[in-house]
Amino acid sequence: MTTTKMEGPFMSAFETDITGVIKQELVTYRVKDGMLRKEITTRHYNSDGSDWHDTSRVEPLAKVAEE
């Protein structure tokens, strides 16, 4: 895991005002143990944005040849 501070529109999307936001998702595609995986992290906000519920899931997509 990197500790380098990232900048730009990707990071500002996480730091923006959540007024009116119902749900946020981050999708990451990663090769791990010879498998292409889709990793989905979701945050569902309650109606006034004062609380949320986080979930994550991993979908295996395809085997990838080892190099």
PDB file of N, CA and C in Angstrom:
ATOM      1  N   MET A   1       0.844  -1.183   0.000  1.00  0.00           N
ATOM      2  CA  MET A   1       0.000   0.000   0.000  1.00  0.00           C
ATOM      3  C   MET A   1       0.881   1.235   0.000  1.00  0.00           C
ATOM      4  N   THR A   2       0.515   2.185  -0.805  1.00  0.00           N
ATOM      5  CA  THR A   2       1.311   3.396  -0.909  1.00  0.00           C
ATOM      6  C   THR A   2       0.823   4.449   0.083  1.00  0.00           C
ATOM      7  N   THR A   3       1.745   5.253   0.570  1.00  0.00           N
ATOM      8  CA  THR A   3       1.381   6.332   1.483  1.00  0.00           C
ATOM      9  C   THR A   3       1.534   7.688   0.814  1.00  0.00           C
ATOM     10  N   THR A   4       1.803   7.690  -0.486  1.00  0.00           N
ATOM     11  CA  THR A   4       1.963   8.928  -1.229  1.00  0.00           C
ATOM     12  C   THR A   4       0.618   9.638  -1.332  1.00  0.00           C
ATOM     13  N   LYS A   5       0.590  10.937  -1.044  1.00  0.00           N
ATOM     14  CA  LYS A   5      -0.649  11.702  -1.156  1.00  0.00           C
ATOM     15  C   LYS A   5      -1.000  11.866  -2.624  1.00  0.00           C
ATOM     16  N   MET A   6      -2.194  11.423  -2.975  1.00  0.00           N
ATOM     17  CA  MET A   6      -2.655  11.566  -4.351  1.00  0.00           C
ATOM     18  C   MET A   6      -3.470  12.837  -4.471  1.00  0.00           C
ATOM     19  N   GLU A   7      -3.415  13.461  -5.630  1.00  0.00           N
ATOM     20  CA  GLU A   7      -4.150  14.687  -5.885  1.00  0.00           C
ATOM     21  C   GLU A   7      -4.929  14.530  -7.178  1.00  0.00           C
ATOM     22  N   GLY A   8      -5.820  15.468  -7.446  1.00  0.00           N
ATOM     23  CA  GLY A   8      -6.544  15.476  -8.700  1.00  0.00           C
ATOM     24  C   GLY A   8      -8.024  15.180  -8.525  1.00  0.00           C
ATOM     25  N   PRO A   9      -8.732  15.069  -9.644  1.00  0.00           N
ATOM     26  CA  PRO A   9     -10.183  14.907  -9.585  1.00  0.00           C
ATOM     27  C   PRO A   9     -10.627  13.619  -8.904  1.00  0.00           C
ATOM     28  N   PHE A  10      -9.832  12.581  -8.973  1.00  0.00           N
ATOM     29  CA  PHE A  10     -10.206  11.327  -8.321  1.00  0.00           C
ATOM     30  C   PHE A  10     -10.294  11.521  -6.811  1.00  0.00           C
ATOM     31  N   MET A  11      -9.276  12.139  -6.232  1.00  0.00           N
ATOM     32  CA  MET A  11      -9.277  12.369  -4.780  1.00  0.00           C
ATOM     33  C   MET A  11     -10.315  13.417  -4.377  1.00  0.00           C
ATOM     34  N   SER A  12     -10.497  14.450  -5.185  1.00  0.00           N
ATOM     35  CA  SER A  12     -11.474  15.475  -4.820  1.00  0.00           C
ATOM     36  C   SER A  12     -12.890  14.906  -4.827  1.00  0.00           C
ATOM     37  N   ALA A  13     -13.140  13.845  -5.577  1.00  0.00           N
ATOM     38  CA  ALA A  13     -14.453  13.193  -5.565  1.00  0.00           C
ATOM     39  C   ALA A  13     -14.763  12.626  -4.177  1.00  0.00           C
ATOM     40  N   PHE A  14     -13.747  12.237  -3.428  1.00  0.00           N
ATOM     41  CA  PHE A  14     -13.937  11.704  -2.083  1.00  0.00           C
ATOM     42  C   PHE A  14     -14.051  12.811  -1.035  1.00  0.00           C
ATOM     43  N   GLU A  15     -13.593  13.989  -1.375  1.00  0.00           N
ATOM     44  CA  GLU A  15     -13.565  15.092  -0.420  1.00  0.00           C
ATOM     45  C   GLU A  15     -14.678  16.101  -0.652  1.00  0.00           C
ATOM     46  N   THR A  16     -15.568  15.838  -1.586  1.00  0.00           N
ATOM     47  CA  THR A  16     -16.612  16.785  -1.950  1.00  0.00           C
ATOM     48  C   THR A  16     -17.767  16.764  -0.948  1.00  0.00           C
ATOM     49  N   ASP A  17     -18.587  17.783  -0.975  1.00  0.00           N
ATOM     50  CA  ASP A  17     -19.776  17.881  -0.133  1.00  0.00           C
ATOM     51  C   ASP A  17     -20.730  16.732  -0.477  1.00  0.00           C
ATOM     52  N   ILE A  18     -21.285  16.063   0.535  1.00  0.00           N
ATOM     53  CA  ILE A  18     -22.167  14.918   0.282  1.00  0.00           C
ATOM     54  C   ILE A  18     -23.649  15.293   0.308  1.00  0.00           C
ATOM     55  N   THR A  19     -23.963  16.579   0.321  1.00  0.00           N
ATOM     56  CA  THR A  19     -25.360  17.001   0.314  1.00  0.00           C
ATOM     57  C   THR A  19     -26.071  16.418  -0.902  1.00  0.00           C
ATOM     58  N   GLY A  20     -27.167  15.712  -0.656  1.00  0.00           N
ATOM     59  CA  GLY A  20     -27.949  15.119  -1.739  1.00  0.00           C
ATOM     60  C   GLY A  20     -27.429  13.793  -2.250  1.00  0.00           C
ATOM     61  N   VAL A  21     -26.285  13.340  -1.733  1.00  0.00           N
ATOM     62  CA  VAL A  21     -25.710  12.075  -2.194  1.00  0.00           C
ATOM     63  C   VAL A  21     -26.465  10.914  -1.546  1.00  0.00           C
ATOM     64  N   ILE A  22     -26.845   9.938  -2.350  1.00  0.00           N
ATOM     65  CA  ILE A  22     -27.540   8.751  -1.876  1.00  0.00           C
ATOM     66  C   ILE A  22     -26.579   7.577  -1.759  1.00  0.00           C
ATOM     67  N   LYS A  23     -25.674   7.463  -2.755  1.00  0.00           N
ATOM     68  CA  LYS A  23     -24.751   6.323  -2.780  1.00  0.00           C
ATOM     69  C   LYS A  23     -23.476   6.717  -3.501  1.00  0.00           C
ATOM     70  N   GLN A  24     -22.351   6.179  -3.018  1.00  0.00           N
ATOM     71  CA  GLN A  24     -21.060   6.311  -3.689  1.00  0.00           C
ATOM     72  C   GLN A  24     -20.477   4.918  -3.873  1.00  0.00           C
ATOM     73  N   GLU A  25     -19.808   4.698  -5.011  1.00  0.00           N
ATOM     74  CA  GLU A  25     -19.151   3.416  -5.267  1.00  0.00           C
ATOM     75  C   GLU A  25     -17.749   3.649  -5.794  1.00  0.00           C
ATOM     76  N   LEU A  26     -16.857   2.773  -5.384  1.00  0.00           N
ATOM     77  CA  LEU A  26     -15.507   2.732  -5.922  1.00  0.00           C
ATOM     78  C   LEU A  26     -15.321   1.337  -6.502  1.00  0.00           C
ATOM     79  N   VAL A  27     -14.966   1.269  -7.784  1.00  0.00           N
ATOM     80  CA  VAL A  27     -14.734  -0.011  -8.447  1.00  0.00           C
ATOM     81  C   VAL A  27     -13.260  -0.094  -8.812  1.00  0.00           C
ATOM     82  N   THR A  28     -12.623  -1.186  -8.407  1.00  0.00           N
ATOM     83  CA  THR A  28     -11.208  -1.423  -8.684  1.00  0.00           C
ATOM     84  C   THR A  28     -11.071  -2.775  -9.362  1.00  0.00           C
ATOM     85  N   TYR A  29     -10.312  -2.822 -10.457  1.00  0.00           N
ATOM     86  CA  TYR A  29     -10.001  -4.083 -11.129  1.00  0.00           C
ATOM     87  C   TYR A  29      -8.578  -4.449 -10.751  1.00  0.00           C
ATOM     88  N   ARG A  30      -8.391  -5.664 -10.218  1.00  0.00           N
ATOM     89  CA  ARG A  30      -7.084  -6.067  -9.699  1.00  0.00           C
ATOM     90  C   ARG A  30      -6.810  -7.514 -10.093  1.00  0.00           C
ATOM     91  N   VAL A  31      -5.539  -7.797 -10.416  1.00  0.00           N
ATOM     92  CA  VAL A  31      -5.110  -9.180 -10.604  1.00  0.00           C
ATOM     93  C   VAL A  31      -4.493  -9.638  -9.300  1.00  0.00           C
ATOM     94  N   LYS A  32      -5.043 -10.733  -8.751  1.00  0.00           N
ATOM     95  CA  LYS A  32      -4.539 -11.280  -7.500  1.00  0.00           C
ATOM     96  C   LYS A  32      -4.607 -12.797  -7.575  1.00  0.00           C
ATOM     97  N   ASP A  33      -3.493 -13.433  -7.273  1.00  0.00           N
ATOM     98  CA  ASP A  33      -3.404 -14.898  -7.271  1.00  0.00           C
ATOM     99  C   ASP A  33      -3.887 -15.504  -8.593  1.00  0.00           C
ATOM    100  N   GLY A  34      -3.494 -14.859  -9.702  1.00  0.00           N
ATOM    101  CA  GLY A  34      -3.826 -15.387 -11.019  1.00  0.00           C
ATOM    102  C   GLY A  34      -5.268 -15.178 -11.445  1.00  0.00           C
ATOM    103  N   MET A  35      -6.004 -14.324 -10.738  1.00  0.00           N
ATOM    104  CA  MET A  35      -7.411 -14.081 -11.049  1.00  0.00           C
ATOM    105  C   MET A  35      -7.662 -12.588 -11.207  1.00  0.00           C
ATOM    106  N   LEU A  36      -8.332 -12.208 -12.303  1.00  0.00           N
ATOM    107  CA  LEU A  36      -8.785 -10.830 -12.459  1.00  0.00           C
ATOM    108  C   LEU A  36     -10.041 -10.681 -11.616  1.00  0.00           C
ATOM    109  N   ARG A  37     -10.025  -9.671 -10.719  1.00  0.00           N
ATOM    110  CA  ARG A  37     -11.129  -9.465  -9.791  1.00  0.00           C
ATOM    111  C   ARG A  37     -11.686  -8.061  -9.938  1.00  0.00           C
ATOM    112  N   LYS A  38     -12.983  -7.938  -9.717  1.00  0.00           N
ATOM    113  CA  LYS A  38     -13.634  -6.636  -9.640  1.00  0.00           C
ATOM    114  C   LYS A  38     -13.986  -6.428  -8.172  1.00  0.00           C
ATOM    115  N   GLU A  39     -13.394  -5.409  -7.562  1.00  0.00           N
ATOM    116  CA  GLU A  39     -13.614  -5.108  -6.150  1.00  0.00           C
ATOM    117  C   GLU A  39     -14.507  -3.870  -6.060  1.00  0.00           C
ATOM    118  N   ILE A  40     -15.655  -4.002  -5.425  1.00  0.00           N
ATOM    119  CA  ILE A  40     -16.627  -2.919  -5.347  1.00  0.00           C
ATOM    120  C   ILE A  40     -16.825  -2.535  -3.888  1.00  0.00           C
ATOM    121  N   THR A  41     -16.599  -1.262  -3.579  1.00  0.00           N
ATOM    122  CA  THR A  41     -16.839  -0.724  -2.247  1.00  0.00           C
ATOM    123  C   THR A  41     -17.934   0.322  -2.380  1.00  0.00           C
ATOM    124  N   THR A  42     -18.978   0.196  -1.565  1.00  0.00           N
ATOM    125  CA  THR A  42     -20.162   1.055  -1.689  1.00  0.00           C
ATOM    126  C   THR A  42     -20.481   1.699  -0.349  1.00  0.00           C
ATOM    127  N   ARG A  43     -20.873   2.959  -0.404  1.00  0.00           N
ATOM    128  CA  ARG A  43     -21.363   3.675   0.779  1.00  0.00           C
ATOM    129  C   ARG A  43     -22.777   4.164   0.475  1.00  0.00           C
ATOM    130  N   HIS A  44     -23.749   3.693   1.264  1.00  0.00           N
ATOM    131  CA  HIS A  44     -25.144   4.115   1.162  1.00  0.00           C
ATOM    132  C   HIS A  44     -25.413   5.111   2.295  1.00  0.00           C
ATOM    133  N   TYR A  45     -25.912   6.299   1.944  1.00  0.00           N
ATOM    134  CA  TYR A  45     -26.208   7.330   2.941  1.00  0.00           C
ATOM    135  C   TYR A  45     -27.680   7.279   3.327  1.00  0.00           C
ATOM    136  N   ASN A  46     -27.989   7.650   4.598  1.00  0.00           N
ATOM    137  CA  ASN A  46     -29.390   7.788   4.977  1.00  0.00           C
ATOM    138  C   ASN A  46     -29.932   9.074   4.362  1.00  0.00           C
ATOM    139  N   SER A  47     -31.228   9.342   4.558  1.00  0.00           N
ATOM    140  CA  SER A  47     -31.888  10.442   3.843  1.00  0.00           C
ATOM    141  C   SER A  47     -31.304  11.820   4.129  1.00  0.00           C
ATOM    142  N   ASP A  48     -30.748  12.053   5.319  1.00  0.00           N
ATOM    143  CA  ASP A  48     -30.192  13.383   5.604  1.00  0.00           C
ATOM    144  C   ASP A  48     -28.661  13.410   5.580  1.00  0.00           C
ATOM    145  N   GLY A  49     -28.034  12.289   5.200  1.00  0.00           N
ATOM    146  CA  GLY A  49     -26.576  12.246   5.074  1.00  0.00           C
ATOM    147  C   GLY A  49     -25.826  12.193   6.384  1.00  0.00           C
ATOM    148  N   SER A  50     -26.555  12.025   7.505  1.00  0.00           N
ATOM    149  CA  SER A  50     -25.888  12.039   8.805  1.00  0.00           C
ATOM    150  C   SER A  50     -25.292  10.684   9.180  1.00  0.00           C
ATOM    151  N   ASP A  51     -25.644   9.635   8.437  1.00  0.00           N
ATOM    152  CA  ASP A  51     -25.121   8.303   8.725  1.00  0.00           C
ATOM    153  C   ASP A  51     -25.025   7.534   7.416  1.00  0.00           C
ATOM    154  N   TRP A  52     -24.276   6.448   7.425  1.00  0.00           N
ATOM    155  CA  TRP A  52     -24.070   5.665   6.216  1.00  0.00           C
ATOM    156  C   TRP A  52     -23.782   4.228   6.575  1.00  0.00           C
ATOM    157  N   HIS A  53     -23.855   3.381   5.552  1.00  0.00           N
ATOM    158  CA  HIS A  53     -23.560   1.958   5.694  1.00  0.00           C
ATOM    159  C   HIS A  53     -22.614   1.572   4.561  1.00  0.00           C
ATOM    160  N   ASP A  54     -21.460   1.019   4.905  1.00  0.00           N
ATOM    161  CA  ASP A  54     -20.461   0.625   3.911  1.00  0.00           C
ATOM    162  C   ASP A  54     -20.527  -0.872   3.664  1.00  0.00           C
ATOM    163  N   THR A  55     -20.363  -1.255   2.411  1.00  0.00           N
ATOM    164  CA  THR A  55     -20.258  -2.661   2.041  1.00  0.00           C
ATOM    165  C   THR A  55     -19.134  -2.815   1.025  1.00  0.00           C
ATOM    166  N   SER A  56     -18.622  -4.035   0.933  1.00  0.00           N
ATOM    167  CA  SER A  56     -17.636  -4.327  -0.108  1.00  0.00           C
ATOM    168  C   SER A  56     -17.862  -5.749  -0.589  1.00  0.00           C
ATOM    169  N   ARG A  57     -17.538  -5.960  -1.854  1.00  0.00           N
ATOM    170  CA  ARG A  57     -17.659  -7.299  -2.410  1.00  0.00           C
ATOM    171  C   ARG A  57     -16.608  -7.469  -3.501  1.00  0.00           C
ATOM    172  N   VAL A  58     -16.300  -8.716  -3.798  1.00  0.00           N
ATOM    173  CA  VAL A  58     -15.316  -9.046  -4.827  1.00  0.00           C
ATOM    174  C   VAL A  58     -15.953 -10.019  -5.793  1.00  0.00           C
ATOM    175  N   GLU A  59     -15.854  -9.717  -7.091  1.00  0.00           N
ATOM    176  CA  GLU A  59     -16.357 -10.600  -8.137  1.00  0.00           C
ATOM    177  C   GLU A  59     -15.170 -11.143  -8.925  1.00  0.00           C
ATOM    178  N   PRO A  60     -14.917 -12.428  -8.885  1.00  0.00           N
ATOM    179  CA  PRO A  60     -13.867 -12.991  -9.746  1.00  0.00           C
ATOM    180  C   PRO A  60     -14.344 -12.935 -11.190  1.00  0.00           C
ATOM    181  N   LEU A  61     -13.476 -12.463 -12.097  1.00  0.00           N
ATOM    182  CA  LEU A  61     -13.877 -12.278 -13.495  1.00  0.00           C
ATOM    183  C   LEU A  61     -13.268 -13.307 -14.432  1.00  0.00           C
ATOM    184  N   ALA A  62     -11.956 -13.528 -14.319  1.00  0.00           N
ATOM    185  CA  ALA A  62     -11.303 -14.463 -15.241  1.00  0.00           C
ATOM    186  C   ALA A  62      -9.934 -14.843 -14.706  1.00  0.00           C
ATOM    187  N   LYS A  63      -9.500 -16.050 -15.049  1.00  0.00           N
ATOM    188  CA  LYS A  63      -8.141 -16.452 -14.736  1.00  0.00           C
ATOM    189  C   LYS A  63      -7.194 -15.704 -15.662  1.00  0.00           C
ATOM    190  N   VAL A  64      -6.044 -15.336 -15.119  1.00  0.00           N
ATOM    191  CA  VAL A  64      -5.040 -14.601 -15.868  1.00  0.00           C
ATOM    192  C   VAL A  64      -3.769 -15.434 -15.872  1.00  0.00           C
ATOM    193  N   ALA A  65      -3.142 -15.557 -17.044  1.00  0.00           N
ATOM    194  CA  ALA A  65      -1.906 -16.327 -17.153  1.00  0.00           C
ATOM    195  C   ALA A  65      -0.820 -15.672 -16.318  1.00  0.00           C
ATOM    196  N   GLU A  66      -0.110 -16.482 -15.566  1.00  0.00           N
ATOM    197  CA  GLU A  66       1.011 -15.981 -14.757  1.00  0.00           C
ATOM    198  C   GLU A  66       2.178 -15.648 -15.671  1.00  0.00           C
ATOM    199  N   GLU A  67       2.881 -14.557 -15.354  1.00  0.00           N
ATOM    200  CA  GLU A  67       4.069 -14.176 -16.148  1.00  0.00           C
ATOM    201  C   GLU A  67       5.321 -14.714 -15.517  1.00  0.00           C
TER     202      GLU A  67
END
